[in-house]
Amino acid sequence: MSDRHATEPDPAPRRVSRGRELTNFMILAFGIWPVVAVGAVGGYGFLVWMYQLVAGPPGPGGH
């Protein structure tokens, strides 16, 4: 068996244009990450709310 991959030259690396890179950054920075952050904070708030429905509100025990 011959090892074909060891003898073939590496293909030229793909270069992303600066405009495309800036567009991808803007989509991530101002589109996707804010939605992920709001979803994470909202999900955490929902979990705390559901926990308090089951376990009761925080504070000293019942009087």
PDB file of N, CA and C in Angstrom:
ATOM      1  N   MET A   1       0.836  -1.193   0.000  1.00  0.00           N
ATOM      2  CA  MET A   1       0.000   0.000   0.000  1.00  0.00           C
ATOM      3  C   MET A   1       0.869   1.240   0.000  1.00  0.00           C
ATOM      4  N   SER A   2       0.529   2.174  -0.832  1.00  0.00           N
ATOM      5  CA  SER A   2       1.307   3.415  -0.859  1.00  0.00           C
ATOM      6  C   SER A   2       0.592   4.490  -0.049  1.00  0.00           C
ATOM      7  N   ASP A   3       1.382   5.348   0.546  1.00  0.00           N
ATOM      8  CA  ASP A   3       0.833   6.459   1.334  1.00  0.00           C
ATOM      9  C   ASP A   3       0.768   7.688   0.436  1.00  0.00           C
ATOM     10  N   ARG A   4      -0.335   7.818  -0.246  1.00  0.00           N
ATOM     11  CA  ARG A   4      -0.504   8.877  -1.235  1.00  0.00           C
ATOM     12  C   ARG A   4      -0.481  10.262  -0.615  1.00  0.00           C
ATOM     13  N   HIS A   5      -1.048  10.395   0.585  1.00  0.00           N
ATOM     14  CA  HIS A   5      -1.177  11.705   1.210  1.00  0.00           C
ATOM     15  C   HIS A   5       0.177  12.302   1.602  1.00  0.00           C
ATOM     16  N   ALA A   6       1.149  11.459   1.873  1.00  0.00           N
ATOM     17  CA  ALA A   6       2.453  11.967   2.285  1.00  0.00           C
ATOM     18  C   ALA A   6       3.208  12.582   1.115  1.00  0.00           C
ATOM     19  N   THR A   7       2.911  12.161  -0.117  1.00  0.00           N
ATOM     20  CA  THR A   7       3.655  12.661  -1.266  1.00  0.00           C
ATOM     21  C   THR A   7       2.963  13.826  -1.959  1.00  0.00           C
ATOM     22  N   GLU A   8       1.657  14.024  -1.718  1.00  0.00           N
ATOM     23  CA  GLU A   8       0.947  15.124  -2.380  1.00  0.00           C
ATOM     24  C   GLU A   8       1.253  16.440  -1.682  1.00  0.00           C
ATOM     25  N   PRO A   9       1.431  17.491  -2.460  1.00  0.00           N
ATOM     26  CA  PRO A   9       1.663  18.798  -1.832  1.00  0.00           C
ATOM     27  C   PRO A   9       0.377  19.305  -1.181  1.00  0.00           C
ATOM     28  N   ASP A  10       0.545  20.127  -0.150  1.00  0.00           N
ATOM     29  CA  ASP A  10      -0.612  20.712   0.521  1.00  0.00           C
ATOM     30  C   ASP A  10      -1.301  21.696  -0.416  1.00  0.00           C
ATOM     31  N   PRO A  11      -2.627  21.683  -0.456  1.00  0.00           N
ATOM     32  CA  PRO A  11      -3.313  22.671  -1.289  1.00  0.00           C
ATOM     33  C   PRO A  11      -3.089  24.069  -0.719  1.00  0.00           C
ATOM     34  N   ALA A  12      -3.196  25.046  -1.565  1.00  0.00           N
ATOM     35  CA  ALA A  12      -3.004  26.432  -1.129  1.00  0.00           C
ATOM     36  C   ALA A  12      -4.077  26.792  -0.102  1.00  0.00           C
ATOM     37  N   PRO A  13      -3.685  27.444   0.999  1.00  0.00           N
ATOM     38  CA  PRO A  13      -4.696  27.821   2.000  1.00  0.00           C
ATOM     39  C   PRO A  13      -5.655  28.860   1.434  1.00  0.00           C
ATOM     40  N   ARG A  14      -6.920  28.738   1.818  1.00  0.00           N
ATOM     41  CA  ARG A  14      -7.929  29.695   1.344  1.00  0.00           C
ATOM     42  C   ARG A  14      -7.782  30.983   2.114  1.00  0.00           C
ATOM     43  N   ARG A  15      -7.868  32.093   1.411  1.00  0.00           N
ATOM     44  CA  ARG A  15      -7.776  33.394   2.049  1.00  0.00           C
ATOM     45  C   ARG A  15      -9.144  34.050   2.015  1.00  0.00           C
ATOM     46  N   VAL A  16      -9.549  34.577   3.153  1.00  0.00           N
ATOM     47  CA  VAL A  16     -10.833  35.256   3.266  1.00  0.00           C
ATOM     48  C   VAL A  16     -10.571  36.738   3.089  1.00  0.00           C
ATOM     49  N   SER A  17     -11.360  37.371   2.259  1.00  0.00           N
ATOM     50  CA  SER A  17     -11.160  38.795   2.023  1.00  0.00           C
ATOM     51  C   SER A  17     -11.469  39.592   3.282  1.00  0.00           C
ATOM     52  N   ARG A  18     -10.885  40.771   3.369  1.00  0.00           N
ATOM     53  CA  ARG A  18     -11.059  41.620   4.551  1.00  0.00           C
ATOM     54  C   ARG A  18     -12.520  42.043   4.701  1.00  0.00           C
ATOM     55  N   GLY A  19     -13.193  42.314   3.606  1.00  0.00           N
ATOM     56  CA  GLY A  19     -14.604  42.694   3.667  1.00  0.00           C
ATOM     57  C   GLY A  19     -15.478  41.566   4.173  1.00  0.00           C
ATOM     58  N   ARG A  20     -15.194  40.372   3.736  1.00  0.00           N
ATOM     59  CA  ARG A  20     -15.955  39.201   4.172  1.00  0.00           C
ATOM     60  C   ARG A  20     -15.716  38.947   5.666  1.00  0.00           C
ATOM     61  N   GLU A  21     -14.455  39.120   6.082  1.00  0.00           N
ATOM     62  CA  GLU A  21     -14.122  38.938   7.490  1.00  0.00           C
ATOM     63  C   GLU A  21     -14.835  39.976   8.355  1.00  0.00           C
ATOM     64  N   LEU A  22     -14.887  41.213   7.905  1.00  0.00           N
ATOM     65  CA  LEU A  22     -15.577  42.274   8.639  1.00  0.00           C
ATOM     66  C   LEU A  22     -17.079  42.004   8.700  1.00  0.00           C
ATOM     67  N   THR A  23     -17.647  41.533   7.610  1.00  0.00           N
ATOM     68  CA  THR A  23     -19.072  41.191   7.591  1.00  0.00           C
ATOM     69  C   THR A  23     -19.372  40.065   8.578  1.00  0.00           C
ATOM     70  N   ASN A  24     -18.529  39.038   8.590  1.00  0.00           N
ATOM     71  CA  ASN A  24     -18.727  37.929   9.533  1.00  0.00           C
ATOM     72  C   ASN A  24     -18.619  38.413  10.971  1.00  0.00           C
ATOM     73  N   PHE A  25     -17.656  39.302  11.244  1.00  0.00           N
ATOM     74  CA  PHE A  25     -17.513  39.840  12.594  1.00  0.00           C
ATOM     75  C   PHE A  25     -18.752  40.621  13.001  1.00  0.00           C
ATOM     76  N   MET A  26     -19.272  41.455  12.113  1.00  0.00           N
ATOM     77  CA  MET A  26     -20.453  42.265  12.440  1.00  0.00           C
ATOM     78  C   MET A  26     -21.665  41.376  12.712  1.00  0.00           C
ATOM     79  N   ILE A  27     -21.818  40.340  11.922  1.00  0.00           N
ATOM     80  CA  ILE A  27     -22.948  39.420  12.134  1.00  0.00           C
ATOM     81  C   ILE A  27     -22.825  38.742  13.495  1.00  0.00           C
ATOM     82  N   LEU A  28     -21.606  38.306  13.840  1.00  0.00           N
ATOM     83  CA  LEU A  28     -21.405  37.673  15.141  1.00  0.00           C
ATOM     84  C   LEU A  28     -21.557  38.671  16.279  1.00  0.00           C
ATOM     85  N   ALA A  29     -20.914  39.828  16.167  1.00  0.00           N
ATOM     86  CA  ALA A  29     -20.862  40.787  17.271  1.00  0.00           C
ATOM     87  C   ALA A  29     -22.209  41.445  17.531  1.00  0.00           C
ATOM     88  N   PHE A  30     -22.970  41.746  16.489  1.00  0.00           N
ATOM     89  CA  PHE A  30     -24.206  42.502  16.669  1.00  0.00           C
ATOM     90  C   PHE A  30     -25.463  41.713  16.319  1.00  0.00           C
ATOM     91  N   GLY A  31     -25.312  40.452  15.945  1.00  0.00           N
ATOM     92  CA  GLY A  31     -26.477  39.643  15.598  1.00  0.00           C
ATOM     93  C   GLY A  31     -26.598  38.399  16.443  1.00  0.00           C
ATOM     94  N   ILE A  32     -25.629  37.531  16.329  1.00  0.00           N
ATOM     95  CA  ILE A  32     -25.743  36.223  16.960  1.00  0.00           C
ATOM     96  C   ILE A  32     -25.458  36.284  18.455  1.00  0.00           C
ATOM     97  N   TRP A  33     -24.345  36.918  18.864  1.00  0.00           N
ATOM     98  CA  TRP A  33     -23.982  36.914  20.286  1.00  0.00           C
ATOM     99  C   TRP A  33     -24.973  37.635  21.174  1.00  0.00           C
ATOM    100  N   PRO A  34     -25.549  38.766  20.767  1.00  0.00           N
ATOM    101  CA  PRO A  34     -26.587  39.355  21.624  1.00  0.00           C
ATOM    102  C   PRO A  34     -27.793  38.433  21.816  1.00  0.00           C
ATOM    103  N   VAL A  35     -28.181  37.729  20.780  1.00  0.00           N
ATOM    104  CA  VAL A  35     -29.307  36.794  20.896  1.00  0.00           C
ATOM    105  C   VAL A  35     -28.942  35.649  21.840  1.00  0.00           C
ATOM    106  N   VAL A  36     -27.723  35.135  21.738  1.00  0.00           N
ATOM    107  CA  VAL A  36     -27.276  34.062  22.630  1.00  0.00           C
ATOM    108  C   VAL A  36     -27.234  34.563  24.077  1.00  0.00           C
ATOM    109  N   ALA A  37     -26.729  35.796  24.282  1.00  0.00           N
ATOM    110  CA  ALA A  37     -26.639  36.344  25.637  1.00  0.00           C
ATOM    111  C   ALA A  37     -28.019  36.537  26.250  1.00  0.00           C
ATOM    112  N   VAL A  38     -28.951  37.100  25.502  1.00  0.00           N
ATOM    113  CA  VAL A  38     -30.311  37.296  26.009  1.00  0.00           C
ATOM    114  C   VAL A  38     -30.963  35.950  26.297  1.00  0.00           C
ATOM    115  N   GLY A  39     -30.744  34.981  25.437  1.00  0.00           N
ATOM    116  CA  GLY A  39     -31.301  33.648  25.660  1.00  0.00           C
ATOM    117  C   GLY A  39     -30.729  32.985  26.903  1.00  0.00           C
ATOM    118  N   ALA A  40     -29.417  33.148  27.129  1.00  0.00           N
ATOM    119  CA  ALA A  40     -28.794  32.540  28.308  1.00  0.00           C
ATOM    120  C   ALA A  40     -29.301  33.186  29.588  1.00  0.00           C
ATOM    121  N   VAL A  41     -29.372  34.515  29.622  1.00  0.00           N
ATOM    122  CA  VAL A  41     -29.852  35.208  30.821  1.00  0.00           C
ATOM    123  C   VAL A  41     -31.331  34.911  31.043  1.00  0.00           C
ATOM    124  N   GLY A  42     -32.107  34.917  29.977  1.00  0.00           N
ATOM    125  CA  GLY A  42     -33.529  34.598  30.094  1.00  0.00           C
ATOM    126  C   GLY A  42     -33.753  33.168  30.544  1.00  0.00           C
ATOM    127  N   GLY A  43     -32.949  32.236  30.024  1.00  0.00           N
ATOM    128  CA  GLY A  43     -33.065  30.840  30.436  1.00  0.00           C
ATOM    129  C   GLY A  43     -32.715  30.656  31.903  1.00  0.00           C
ATOM    130  N   TYR A  44     -31.684  31.351  32.362  1.00  0.00           N
ATOM    131  CA  TYR A  44     -31.311  31.271  33.776  1.00  0.00           C
ATOM    132  C   TYR A  44     -32.421  31.850  34.659  1.00  0.00           C
ATOM    133  N   GLY A  45     -32.968  32.987  34.250  1.00  0.00           N
ATOM    134  CA  GLY A  45     -34.078  33.572  35.004  1.00  0.00           C
ATOM    135  C   GLY A  45     -35.281  32.641  35.061  1.00  0.00           C
ATOM    136  N   PHE A  46     -35.570  31.986  33.961  1.00  0.00           N
ATOM    137  CA  PHE A  46     -36.687  31.038  33.923  1.00  0.00           C
ATOM    138  C   PHE A  46     -36.439  29.867  34.871  1.00  0.00           C
ATOM    139  N   LEU A  47     -35.192  29.353  34.876  1.00  0.00           N
ATOM    140  CA  LEU A  47     -34.870  28.248  35.785  1.00  0.00           C
ATOM    141  C   LEU A  47     -35.025  28.666  37.246  1.00  0.00           C
ATOM    142  N   VAL A  48     -34.568  29.867  37.597  1.00  0.00           N
ATOM    143  CA  VAL A  48     -34.706  30.349  38.975  1.00  0.00           C
ATOM    144  C   VAL A  48     -36.186  30.507  39.320  1.00  0.00           C
ATOM    145  N   TRP A  49     -36.963  31.032  38.406  1.00  0.00           N
ATOM    146  CA  TRP A  49     -38.399  31.222  38.627  1.00  0.00           C
ATOM    147  C   TRP A  49     -39.086  29.871  38.872  1.00  0.00           C
ATOM    148  N   MET A  50     -38.773  28.885  38.030  1.00  0.00           N
ATOM    149  CA  MET A  50     -39.375  27.559  38.199  1.00  0.00           C
ATOM    150  C   MET A  50     -38.930  26.918  39.515  1.00  0.00           C
ATOM    151  N   TYR A  51     -37.660  27.093  39.878  1.00  0.00           N
ATOM    152  CA  TYR A  51     -37.178  26.548  41.142  1.00  0.00           C
ATOM    153  C   TYR A  51     -37.923  27.174  42.312  1.00  0.00           C
ATOM    154  N   GLN A  52     -38.149  28.487  42.263  1.00  0.00           N
ATOM    155  CA  GLN A  52     -38.850  29.157  43.354  1.00  0.00           C
ATOM    156  C   GLN A  52     -40.326  28.772  43.412  1.00  0.00           C
ATOM    157  N   LEU A  53     -40.911  28.403  42.293  1.00  0.00           N
ATOM    158  CA  LEU A  53     -42.286  27.901  42.317  1.00  0.00           C
ATOM    159  C   LEU A  53     -42.366  26.585  43.086  1.00  0.00           C
ATOM    160  N   VAL A  54     -41.332  25.752  42.950  1.00  0.00           N
ATOM    161  CA  VAL A  54     -41.334  24.445  43.612  1.00  0.00           C
ATOM    162  C   VAL A  54     -40.847  24.561  45.054  1.00  0.00           C
ATOM    163  N   ALA A  55     -39.746  25.270  45.283  1.00  0.00           N
ATOM    164  CA  ALA A  55     -39.103  25.283  46.593  1.00  0.00           C
ATOM    165  C   ALA A  55     -39.520  26.461  47.454  1.00  0.00           C
ATOM    166  N   GLY A  56     -40.245  27.394  46.909  1.00  0.00           N
ATOM    167  CA  GLY A  56     -40.628  28.590  47.675  1.00  0.00           C
ATOM    168  C   GLY A  56     -39.605  29.691  47.527  1.00  0.00           C
ATOM    169  N   PRO A  57     -39.990  30.916  47.900  1.00  0.00           N
ATOM    170  CA  PRO A  57     -39.075  32.028  47.746  1.00  0.00           C
ATOM    171  C   PRO A  57     -37.913  31.938  48.729  1.00  0.00           C
ATOM    172  N   PRO A  58     -36.788  32.603  48.413  1.00  0.00           N
ATOM    173  CA  PRO A  58     -35.667  32.579  49.348  1.00  0.00           C
ATOM    174  C   PRO A  58     -35.975  33.404  50.592  1.00  0.00           C
ATOM    175  N   GLY A  59     -35.274  33.114  51.636  1.00  0.00           N
ATOM    176  CA  GLY A  59     -35.464  33.860  52.883  1.00  0.00           C
ATOM    177  C   GLY A  59     -35.521  32.919  54.064  1.00  0.00           C
ATOM    178  N   PRO A  60     -35.767  33.482  55.240  1.00  0.00           N
ATOM    179  CA  PRO A  60     -35.851  32.633  56.434  1.00  0.00           C
ATOM    180  C   PRO A  60     -37.042  31.686  56.340  1.00  0.00           C
ATOM    181  N   GLY A  61     -36.927  30.599  57.055  1.00  0.00           N
ATOM    182  CA  GLY A  61     -37.984  29.592  57.054  1.00  0.00           C
ATOM    183  C   GLY A  61     -39.315  30.143  57.529  1.00  0.00           C
ATOM    184  N   GLY A  62     -40.367  29.378  57.363  1.00  0.00           N
ATOM    185  CA  GLY A  62     -41.720  29.821  57.714  1.00  0.00           C
ATOM    186  C   GLY A  62     -41.888  30.182  59.172  1.00  0.00           C
ATOM    187  N   HIS A  63     -42.753  31.121  59.421  1.00  0.00           N
ATOM    188  CA  HIS A  63     -43.061  31.568  60.800  1.00  0.00           C
ATOM    189  C   HIS A  63     -44.383  31.006  61.215  1.00  0.00           C
TER     190      HIS A  63
END
